[in-house]
Amino acid sequence: MTIFDRTMQLLERSLDLRGARQQVIAANIANEETPKYRATDLNFGQALADAQRGKLPIALVSTDRHHFGPKGTGFQQVTGRLEEVPAGDLPLDANTVNIELEMAKMSDNAQQYNTAATIIGMRFRQLLSAIREGR
């Protein structure tokens, strides 16, 4: 029996990736006035959904201790992809940050982060209740 089942592992990884995405979005907002800055986004939703269905990323095997690659097993292998946000018509400074879009993405990402954190909190309260009641 494992205390931290697949759901907890999925939620943990989701929190990690949402935190990383928040940093990417914050960097985009901070560079709104930087000429030639290209907005990026961390995409991991499909990879995390695939991992939930049991389709984990391909595991790499190292043949030497000096080789490096993705760390961890299971959901920890989902890393997401940093991609440039497609831009429509470029302004004169060639900056692709759309501040309204970035603020909406930040709000949505924060809301999903809080939802995952709330679910993890509920799971821990269930575990604490089981420990206290001895069941």
N, C-alpha and C. Protein backbone atom coordinates (compact mmCIF):
# COMPACT_ATOMS: atom_id res chain seq x y z
N MET A 1 0.84 -1.19 0.00
CA MET A 1 0.00 0.00 0.00
C MET A 1 0.88 1.25 0.00
N THR A 2 0.54 2.17 -0.85
CA THR A 2 1.29 3.42 -0.89
C THR A 2 0.41 4.55 -0.37
N ILE A 3 1.00 5.39 0.41
CA ILE A 3 0.26 6.55 0.94
C ILE A 3 0.03 7.55 -0.18
N PHE A 4 1.06 7.76 -0.97
CA PHE A 4 0.96 8.74 -2.04
C PHE A 4 0.71 8.02 -3.36
N ASP A 5 -0.53 7.91 -3.73
CA ASP A 5 -0.93 7.18 -4.92
C ASP A 5 -0.67 8.01 -6.18
N ARG A 6 -1.13 7.50 -7.31
CA ARG A 6 -0.90 8.18 -8.59
C ARG A 6 -1.52 9.57 -8.62
N THR A 7 -2.67 9.71 -7.98
CA THR A 7 -3.31 11.03 -7.97
C THR A 7 -2.44 12.05 -7.26
N MET A 8 -1.87 11.66 -6.12
CA MET A 8 -1.00 12.59 -5.39
C MET A 8 0.25 12.91 -6.21
N GLN A 9 0.81 11.91 -6.88
CA GLN A 9 1.99 12.15 -7.71
C GLN A 9 1.66 13.09 -8.87
N LEU A 10 0.48 12.88 -9.45
CA LEU A 10 0.04 13.74 -10.55
C LEU A 10 -0.16 15.18 -10.06
N LEU A 11 -0.79 15.33 -8.92
CA LEU A 11 -1.01 16.67 -8.37
C LEU A 11 0.31 17.35 -8.00
N GLU A 12 1.23 16.58 -7.44
CA GLU A 12 2.54 17.14 -7.09
C GLU A 12 3.25 17.66 -8.33
N ARG A 13 3.25 16.85 -9.38
CA ARG A 13 3.93 17.27 -10.62
C ARG A 13 3.22 18.46 -11.25
N SER A 14 1.89 18.45 -11.15
CA SER A 14 1.11 19.56 -11.68
C SER A 14 1.48 20.87 -10.97
N LEU A 15 1.66 20.80 -9.66
CA LEU A 15 2.06 22.00 -8.91
C LEU A 15 3.44 22.48 -9.36
N ASP A 16 4.37 21.54 -9.53
CA ASP A 16 5.72 21.92 -9.98
C ASP A 16 5.66 22.63 -11.33
N LEU A 17 4.92 22.03 -12.27
CA LEU A 17 4.87 22.59 -13.62
C LEU A 17 4.10 23.92 -13.65
N ARG A 18 3.05 24.02 -12.86
CA ARG A 18 2.30 25.29 -12.82
C ARG A 18 3.17 26.40 -12.21
N GLY A 19 3.96 26.05 -11.21
CA GLY A 19 4.89 27.03 -10.64
C GLY A 19 5.91 27.50 -11.68
N ALA A 20 6.42 26.56 -12.46
CA ALA A 20 7.39 26.92 -13.52
C ALA A 20 6.72 27.78 -14.58
N ARG A 21 5.46 27.44 -14.92
CA ARG A 21 4.75 28.22 -15.95
C ARG A 21 4.49 29.63 -15.44
N GLN A 22 4.21 29.76 -14.15
CA GLN A 22 3.97 31.09 -13.58
C GLN A 22 5.22 31.97 -13.73
N GLN A 23 6.39 31.36 -13.57
CA GLN A 23 7.64 32.12 -13.74
C GLN A 23 7.83 32.57 -15.18
N VAL A 24 7.46 31.69 -16.12
CA VAL A 24 7.58 32.05 -17.55
C VAL A 24 6.65 33.21 -17.87
N ILE A 25 5.43 33.13 -17.37
CA ILE A 25 4.45 34.20 -17.63
C ILE A 25 4.92 35.51 -16.98
N ALA A 26 5.44 35.41 -15.76
CA ALA A 26 5.94 36.61 -15.07
C ALA A 26 7.09 37.24 -15.85
N ALA A 27 7.95 36.40 -16.45
CA ALA A 27 9.06 36.93 -17.26
C ALA A 27 8.51 37.65 -18.49
N ASN A 28 7.46 37.10 -19.08
CA ASN A 28 6.85 37.77 -20.24
C ASN A 28 6.31 39.14 -19.85
N ILE A 29 5.62 39.19 -18.71
CA ILE A 29 5.04 40.46 -18.26
C ILE A 29 6.15 41.47 -17.93
N ALA A 30 7.20 40.98 -17.29
CA ALA A 30 8.31 41.87 -16.93
C ALA A 30 9.00 42.45 -18.16
N ASN A 31 8.95 41.73 -19.26
CA ASN A 31 9.63 42.19 -20.48
C ASN A 31 8.67 42.80 -21.50
N GLU A 32 7.56 43.26 -21.03
CA GLU A 32 6.57 43.85 -21.94
C GLU A 32 7.14 45.02 -22.73
N GLU A 33 8.04 45.76 -22.13
CA GLU A 33 8.61 46.95 -22.78
C GLU A 33 9.97 46.67 -23.44
N THR A 34 10.45 45.46 -23.40
CA THR A 34 11.76 45.15 -23.95
C THR A 34 11.68 44.96 -25.47
N PRO A 35 12.38 45.76 -26.23
CA PRO A 35 12.34 45.61 -27.68
C PRO A 35 12.83 44.23 -28.12
N LYS A 36 12.18 43.65 -29.11
CA LYS A 36 12.51 42.37 -29.73
C LYS A 36 12.33 41.17 -28.79
N TYR A 37 11.69 41.36 -27.65
CA TYR A 37 11.46 40.25 -26.74
C TYR A 37 10.38 39.33 -27.31
N ARG A 38 10.62 38.04 -27.27
CA ARG A 38 9.67 37.05 -27.77
C ARG A 38 9.01 36.35 -26.57
N ALA A 39 7.69 36.45 -26.48
CA ALA A 39 6.95 35.81 -25.40
C ALA A 39 7.01 34.29 -25.56
N THR A 40 7.14 33.59 -24.44
CA THR A 40 7.17 32.14 -24.44
C THR A 40 6.11 31.61 -23.47
N ASP A 41 5.83 30.33 -23.59
CA ASP A 41 4.89 29.69 -22.68
C ASP A 41 5.37 28.26 -22.45
N LEU A 42 5.12 27.75 -21.25
CA LEU A 42 5.48 26.38 -20.91
C LEU A 42 4.24 25.52 -21.10
N ASN A 43 4.30 24.63 -22.09
CA ASN A 43 3.17 23.76 -22.40
C ASN A 43 3.44 22.36 -21.87
N PHE A 44 2.52 21.88 -21.05
CA PHE A 44 2.70 20.56 -20.46
C PHE A 44 1.37 19.83 -20.30
N GLY A 45 0.27 20.45 -20.63
CA GLY A 45 -1.05 19.87 -20.40
C GLY A 45 -1.24 18.54 -21.07
N GLN A 46 -0.90 18.44 -22.35
CA GLN A 46 -1.08 17.18 -23.08
C GLN A 46 -0.16 16.10 -22.54
N ALA A 47 1.09 16.45 -22.23
CA ALA A 47 2.04 15.46 -21.71
C ALA A 47 1.57 14.94 -20.35
N LEU A 48 1.03 15.82 -19.52
CA LEU A 48 0.53 15.39 -18.21
C LEU A 48 -0.72 14.52 -18.36
N ALA A 49 -1.59 14.88 -19.31
CA ALA A 49 -2.78 14.06 -19.57
C ALA A 49 -2.39 12.70 -20.11
N ASP A 50 -1.39 12.66 -20.99
CA ASP A 50 -0.89 11.37 -21.49
C ASP A 50 -0.31 10.53 -20.36
N ALA A 51 0.43 11.16 -19.48
CA ALA A 51 1.02 10.44 -18.35
C ALA A 51 -0.07 9.88 -17.44
N GLN A 52 -1.15 10.63 -17.29
CA GLN A 52 -2.26 10.16 -16.45
C GLN A 52 -2.89 8.91 -17.05
N ARG A 53 -2.91 8.83 -18.39
CA ARG A 53 -3.47 7.66 -19.06
C ARG A 53 -2.45 6.52 -19.19
N GLY A 54 -1.27 6.71 -18.60
CA GLY A 54 -0.25 5.66 -18.63
C GLY A 54 0.72 5.76 -19.76
N LYS A 55 0.64 6.82 -20.53
CA LYS A 55 1.57 7.02 -21.65
C LYS A 55 2.68 7.95 -21.19
N LEU A 56 3.62 7.41 -20.46
CA LEU A 56 4.71 8.23 -19.96
C LEU A 56 5.72 8.51 -21.06
N PRO A 57 6.48 9.60 -20.90
CA PRO A 57 7.53 9.88 -21.89
C PRO A 57 8.52 8.72 -21.93
N ILE A 58 9.22 8.61 -23.02
CA ILE A 58 10.20 7.53 -23.19
C ILE A 58 11.30 7.68 -22.14
N ALA A 59 11.57 6.59 -21.46
CA ALA A 59 12.62 6.60 -20.45
C ALA A 59 13.97 6.40 -21.11
N LEU A 60 14.93 7.19 -20.73
CA LEU A 60 16.28 7.08 -21.27
C LEU A 60 17.12 6.23 -20.34
N VAL A 61 17.97 5.43 -20.93
CA VAL A 61 18.87 4.59 -20.14
C VAL A 61 20.27 5.15 -20.29
N SER A 62 20.93 5.37 -19.17
CA SER A 62 22.31 5.86 -19.25
C SER A 62 23.25 4.69 -19.07
N THR A 63 24.30 4.70 -19.83
CA THR A 63 25.28 3.62 -19.76
C THR A 63 26.53 4.04 -19.01
N ASP A 64 26.54 5.29 -18.59
CA ASP A 64 27.69 5.80 -17.86
C ASP A 64 27.17 6.75 -16.80
N ARG A 65 27.80 6.76 -15.64
CA ARG A 65 27.31 7.63 -14.57
C ARG A 65 27.45 9.12 -14.88
N HIS A 66 28.25 9.47 -15.90
CA HIS A 66 28.41 10.87 -16.26
C HIS A 66 27.31 11.35 -17.23
N HIS A 67 26.51 10.42 -17.75
CA HIS A 67 25.40 10.80 -18.62
C HIS A 67 24.29 11.40 -17.77
N PHE A 68 23.58 12.30 -18.33
CA PHE A 68 22.46 12.87 -17.60
C PHE A 68 21.24 12.89 -18.50
N GLY A 69 20.09 12.96 -17.89
CA GLY A 69 18.83 12.97 -18.62
C GLY A 69 17.72 13.32 -17.66
N PRO A 70 16.48 13.03 -18.02
CA PRO A 70 15.36 13.34 -17.14
C PRO A 70 15.50 12.61 -15.81
N LYS A 71 15.20 13.29 -14.73
CA LYS A 71 15.28 12.71 -13.40
C LYS A 71 13.92 12.15 -13.01
N GLY A 72 13.93 11.18 -12.11
CA GLY A 72 12.70 10.68 -11.54
C GLY A 72 12.03 9.63 -12.40
N THR A 73 10.91 9.15 -11.87
CA THR A 73 10.13 8.14 -12.57
C THR A 73 8.69 8.61 -12.64
N GLY A 74 7.91 7.97 -13.48
CA GLY A 74 6.49 8.28 -13.57
C GLY A 74 6.23 9.72 -13.97
N PHE A 75 5.40 10.38 -13.20
CA PHE A 75 5.00 11.74 -13.54
C PHE A 75 6.17 12.73 -13.50
N GLN A 76 7.21 12.39 -12.76
CA GLN A 76 8.36 13.29 -12.68
C GLN A 76 9.08 13.43 -14.03
N GLN A 77 8.82 12.51 -14.94
CA GLN A 77 9.44 12.58 -16.26
C GLN A 77 8.76 13.62 -17.16
N VAL A 78 7.57 14.04 -16.79
CA VAL A 78 6.87 15.05 -17.59
C VAL A 78 7.51 16.40 -17.30
N THR A 79 8.07 17.03 -18.33
CA THR A 79 8.78 18.27 -18.11
C THR A 79 8.13 19.47 -18.79
N GLY A 80 7.33 19.25 -19.79
CA GLY A 80 6.74 20.36 -20.52
C GLY A 80 7.70 20.88 -21.57
N ARG A 81 7.17 21.72 -22.42
CA ARG A 81 7.95 22.30 -23.52
C ARG A 81 7.82 23.80 -23.51
N LEU A 82 8.95 24.48 -23.58
CA LEU A 82 8.96 25.93 -23.65
C LEU A 82 8.86 26.33 -25.11
N GLU A 83 7.75 26.99 -25.45
CA GLU A 83 7.51 27.35 -26.84
C GLU A 83 7.26 28.84 -26.98
N GLU A 84 7.64 29.35 -28.10
CA GLU A 84 7.40 30.75 -28.38
C GLU A 84 5.92 30.96 -28.68
N VAL A 85 5.34 32.01 -28.12
CA VAL A 85 3.93 32.32 -28.36
C VAL A 85 3.81 32.91 -29.75
N PRO A 86 2.93 32.34 -30.58
CA PRO A 86 2.79 32.91 -31.93
C PRO A 86 2.29 34.35 -31.88
N ALA A 87 2.90 35.16 -32.68
CA ALA A 87 2.53 36.58 -32.70
C ALA A 87 1.79 36.89 -33.99
N GLY A 88 0.87 37.81 -33.91
CA GLY A 88 0.17 38.27 -35.10
C GLY A 88 1.02 39.33 -35.78
N ASP A 89 0.48 40.46 -35.93
CA ASP A 89 1.23 41.58 -36.50
C ASP A 89 2.19 42.12 -35.45
N LEU A 90 3.45 42.22 -35.82
CA LEU A 90 4.44 42.70 -34.87
C LEU A 90 4.41 44.23 -34.81
N PRO A 91 4.51 44.78 -33.60
CA PRO A 91 4.62 46.23 -33.48
C PRO A 91 6.02 46.69 -33.90
N LEU A 92 6.26 47.97 -33.88
CA LEU A 92 7.55 48.50 -34.33
C LEU A 92 8.73 47.99 -33.52
N ASP A 93 8.52 47.74 -32.21
CA ASP A 93 9.64 47.26 -31.39
C ASP A 93 9.83 45.75 -31.48
N ALA A 94 8.99 45.04 -32.25
CA ALA A 94 9.09 43.59 -32.47
C ALA A 94 8.93 42.78 -31.19
N ASN A 95 8.29 43.33 -30.19
CA ASN A 95 8.01 42.63 -28.94
C ASN A 95 6.68 41.88 -29.11
N THR A 96 6.63 40.60 -28.74
CA THR A 96 5.43 39.79 -28.96
C THR A 96 4.58 39.61 -27.70
N VAL A 97 4.88 40.35 -26.63
CA VAL A 97 4.10 40.21 -25.40
C VAL A 97 2.77 40.93 -25.55
N ASN A 98 1.68 40.19 -25.32
CA ASN A 98 0.34 40.76 -25.27
C ASN A 98 -0.05 40.76 -23.80
N ILE A 99 -0.03 41.92 -23.18
CA ILE A 99 -0.18 41.99 -21.73
C ILE A 99 -1.54 41.46 -21.26
N GLU A 100 -2.59 41.71 -22.02
CA GLU A 100 -3.91 41.19 -21.62
C GLU A 100 -3.93 39.67 -21.66
N LEU A 101 -3.34 39.09 -22.68
CA LEU A 101 -3.28 37.64 -22.79
C LEU A 101 -2.43 37.05 -21.67
N GLU A 102 -1.31 37.68 -21.37
CA GLU A 102 -0.43 37.17 -20.31
C GLU A 102 -1.13 37.25 -18.95
N MET A 103 -1.86 38.33 -18.70
CA MET A 103 -2.57 38.45 -17.42
C MET A 103 -3.66 37.39 -17.31
N ALA A 104 -4.35 37.10 -18.41
CA ALA A 104 -5.37 36.07 -18.40
C ALA A 104 -4.75 34.69 -18.15
N LYS A 105 -3.61 34.43 -18.81
CA LYS A 105 -2.92 33.16 -18.60
C LYS A 105 -2.44 33.03 -17.16
N MET A 106 -1.94 34.12 -16.60
CA MET A 106 -1.46 34.10 -15.21
C MET A 106 -2.61 33.80 -14.25
N SER A 107 -3.75 34.43 -14.48
CA SER A 107 -4.91 34.22 -13.62
C SER A 107 -5.39 32.77 -13.72
N ASP A 108 -5.50 32.25 -14.93
CA ASP A 108 -5.94 30.87 -15.13
C ASP A 108 -4.96 29.89 -14.50
N ASN A 109 -3.67 30.11 -14.71
CA ASN A 109 -2.65 29.23 -14.15
C ASN A 109 -2.69 29.25 -12.63
N ALA A 110 -2.84 30.42 -12.05
CA ALA A 110 -2.90 30.53 -10.58
C ALA A 110 -4.14 29.82 -10.05
N GLN A 111 -5.25 29.94 -10.75
CA GLN A 111 -6.48 29.28 -10.31
C GLN A 111 -6.31 27.76 -10.35
N GLN A 112 -5.70 27.24 -11.40
CA GLN A 112 -5.48 25.80 -11.48
C GLN A 112 -4.46 25.32 -10.45
N TYR A 113 -3.47 26.15 -10.16
CA TYR A 113 -2.50 25.82 -9.11
C TYR A 113 -3.22 25.72 -7.77
N ASN A 114 -4.06 26.70 -7.48
CA ASN A 114 -4.78 26.70 -6.21
C ASN A 114 -5.73 25.51 -6.10
N THR A 115 -6.35 25.13 -7.19
CA THR A 115 -7.23 23.97 -7.18
C THR A 115 -6.45 22.70 -6.84
N ALA A 116 -5.31 22.51 -7.48
CA ALA A 116 -4.48 21.32 -7.19
C ALA A 116 -4.00 21.35 -5.74
N ALA A 117 -3.60 22.52 -5.25
CA ALA A 117 -3.14 22.64 -3.86
C ALA A 117 -4.27 22.33 -2.89
N THR A 118 -5.47 22.76 -3.22
CA THR A 118 -6.63 22.48 -2.36
C THR A 118 -6.92 20.99 -2.29
N ILE A 119 -6.83 20.32 -3.44
CA ILE A 119 -7.08 18.87 -3.46
C ILE A 119 -6.01 18.13 -2.66
N ILE A 120 -4.76 18.56 -2.79
CA ILE A 120 -3.69 17.92 -2.00
C ILE A 120 -3.95 18.15 -0.51
N GLY A 121 -4.37 19.36 -0.16
CA GLY A 121 -4.68 19.65 1.24
C GLY A 121 -5.80 18.76 1.77
N MET A 122 -6.81 18.52 0.93
CA MET A 122 -7.91 17.64 1.34
C MET A 122 -7.40 16.22 1.56
N ARG A 123 -6.51 15.75 0.66
CA ARG A 123 -5.97 14.40 0.82
C ARG A 123 -5.16 14.28 2.10
N PHE A 124 -4.38 15.31 2.43
CA PHE A 124 -3.60 15.26 3.66
C PHE A 124 -4.51 15.30 4.89
N ARG A 125 -5.59 16.04 4.83
CA ARG A 125 -6.53 16.06 5.96
C ARG A 125 -7.18 14.69 6.13
N GLN A 126 -7.46 14.00 5.01
CA GLN A 126 -8.00 12.64 5.10
C GLN A 126 -7.00 11.70 5.76
N LEU A 127 -5.73 11.81 5.35
CA LEU A 127 -4.69 10.97 5.96
C LEU A 127 -4.55 11.27 7.45
N LEU A 128 -4.56 12.54 7.82
CA LEU A 128 -4.44 12.92 9.22
C LEU A 128 -5.63 12.40 10.02
N SER A 129 -6.80 12.48 9.43
CA SER A 129 -7.99 11.97 10.11
C SER A 129 -7.89 10.46 10.31
N ALA A 130 -7.40 9.75 9.29
CA ALA A 130 -7.24 8.30 9.41
C ALA A 130 -6.20 7.95 10.47
N ILE A 131 -5.14 8.72 10.55
CA ILE A 131 -4.09 8.47 11.56
C ILE A 131 -4.65 8.71 12.96
N ARG A 132 -5.36 9.79 13.14
CA ARG A 132 -5.89 10.13 14.46
C ARG A 132 -6.96 9.16 14.93
N GLU A 133 -7.74 8.65 13.99
CA GLU A 133 -8.81 7.74 14.37
C GLU A 133 -8.36 6.29 14.35
N GLY A 134 -7.13 6.05 13.89
CA GLY A 134 -6.56 4.71 13.90
C GLY A 134 -7.19 3.74 12.92
N ARG A 135 -7.77 4.26 11.86
CA ARG A 135 -8.37 3.37 10.85
C ARG A 135 -7.42 3.12 9.72
